[in-house]
């Protein structure tokens, strides 16, 4: 509930500025408001945060579900954590080529 309220308040505060400047992303807004160097720094920070905090959670939770559904650990004769690591590796490797 709190996150929904925060999103609505954030949109109410920032959307008029986005419409005023005619931008679609935060990076575009930062480039107009500051400069290209700042935009690049912020973009690198966004990508780093995505890779460090979001991707591991998505890969690990997907691998847990995949292991629960198909019992890869029993099929391969390895521990559950090893099966999850293998599945996460495969999902990440396949995802990087798509």
Protein backbone atom coordinates (compact mmCIF):
# COMPACT_ATOMS: atom_id res chain seq x y z
CA UNK A 1 0.00 0.00 0.00
CA UNK A 2 2.80 2.40 0.90
CA UNK A 3 4.63 1.79 -2.38
CA UNK A 4 1.49 2.56 -4.38
CA UNK A 5 1.03 5.85 -2.53
CA UNK A 6 4.71 6.74 -3.10
CA UNK A 7 4.41 6.03 -6.83
CA UNK A 8 1.30 8.21 -7.15
CA UNK A 9 2.91 11.07 -5.24
CA UNK A 10 6.13 10.74 -7.27
CA UNK A 11 4.18 10.81 -10.53
CA UNK A 12 2.16 13.80 -9.34
CA UNK A 13 5.37 15.69 -8.54
CA UNK A 14 7.57 14.69 -11.50
CA UNK A 15 5.18 14.18 -14.44
CA UNK A 16 4.56 17.91 -14.99
CA UNK A 17 8.32 18.46 -15.31
CA UNK A 18 8.61 15.57 -17.77
CA UNK A 19 5.80 17.01 -19.89
CA UNK A 20 7.30 20.50 -19.66
CA UNK A 21 10.71 19.33 -20.95
CA UNK A 22 9.26 16.78 -23.38
CA UNK A 23 11.34 13.85 -22.14
CA UNK A 24 10.51 10.18 -21.69
CA UNK A 25 13.19 8.89 -19.33
CA UNK A 26 15.04 10.03 -16.24
CA UNK A 27 18.30 9.98 -18.19
CA UNK A 28 16.91 12.36 -20.80
CA UNK A 29 15.66 14.67 -18.06
CA UNK A 30 19.06 14.67 -16.36
CA UNK A 31 20.78 15.47 -19.66
CA UNK A 32 18.54 18.49 -20.20
CA UNK A 33 18.71 19.63 -16.58
CA UNK A 34 22.48 19.14 -16.16
CA UNK A 35 24.80 17.89 -18.92
CA UNK A 36 25.81 14.81 -20.91
CA UNK A 37 28.53 13.77 -18.46
CA UNK A 38 26.05 13.69 -15.59
CA UNK A 39 23.66 11.67 -17.75
CA UNK A 40 26.38 9.11 -18.45
CA UNK A 41 27.31 8.84 -14.77
CA UNK A 42 23.69 8.34 -13.74
CA UNK A 43 23.14 5.80 -16.53
CA UNK A 44 26.17 3.81 -15.37
CA UNK A 45 24.89 3.92 -11.79
CA UNK A 46 21.44 2.72 -12.91
CA UNK A 47 22.97 -0.18 -14.86
CA UNK A 48 25.24 -1.11 -11.94
CA UNK A 49 22.30 -1.09 -9.53
CA UNK A 50 20.25 -3.22 -11.92
CA UNK A 51 23.01 -5.80 -12.31
CA UNK A 52 23.93 -5.94 -8.62
CA UNK A 53 20.52 -5.82 -6.95
CA UNK A 54 17.79 -6.85 -9.40
CA UNK A 55 19.26 -9.51 -11.70
CA UNK A 56 20.55 -11.86 -8.96
CA UNK A 57 17.14 -11.88 -7.27
CA UNK A 58 15.34 -12.62 -10.53
CA UNK A 59 17.75 -15.37 -11.54
CA UNK A 60 17.82 -16.99 -8.11
CA UNK A 61 14.06 -16.96 -7.59
CA UNK A 62 13.47 -18.29 -11.10
CA UNK A 63 16.00 -21.05 -10.53
CA UNK A 64 14.33 -22.01 -7.23
CA UNK A 65 10.95 -22.33 -8.90
CA UNK A 66 12.44 -24.23 -11.85
CA UNK A 67 14.13 -26.64 -9.45
CA UNK A 68 10.92 -27.14 -7.46
CA UNK A 69 8.92 -27.85 -10.61
CA UNK A 70 11.34 -30.18 -12.40
CA UNK A 71 13.48 -31.57 -9.51
CA UNK A 72 16.76 -30.94 -11.30
CA UNK A 73 18.71 -31.66 -8.11
CA UNK A 74 17.41 -35.24 -8.00
CA UNK A 75 17.94 -35.71 -11.73
CA UNK A 76 21.56 -34.56 -11.61
CA UNK A 77 22.31 -36.11 -8.21
CA UNK A 78 23.55 -32.84 -6.72
CA UNK A 79 22.48 -30.72 -3.78
CA UNK A 80 19.61 -28.26 -4.15
CA UNK A 81 21.87 -25.22 -3.94
CA UNK A 82 24.13 -26.61 -6.67
CA UNK A 83 21.12 -27.28 -8.90
CA UNK A 84 19.87 -23.74 -8.32
CA UNK A 85 23.31 -22.35 -9.17
CA UNK A 86 23.43 -24.41 -12.38
CA UNK A 87 19.95 -23.31 -13.41
CA UNK A 88 20.71 -19.65 -12.64
CA UNK A 89 23.90 -19.91 -14.70
CA UNK A 90 22.06 -21.42 -17.66
CA UNK A 91 19.24 -18.86 -17.48
CA UNK A 92 21.79 -16.04 -17.34
CA UNK A 93 23.86 -17.45 -20.20
CA UNK A 94 20.84 -17.98 -22.43
CA UNK A 95 19.42 -14.58 -21.52
CA UNK A 96 22.63 -12.82 -22.47
CA UNK A 97 22.45 -14.22 -26.01
CA UNK A 98 18.86 -13.17 -26.67
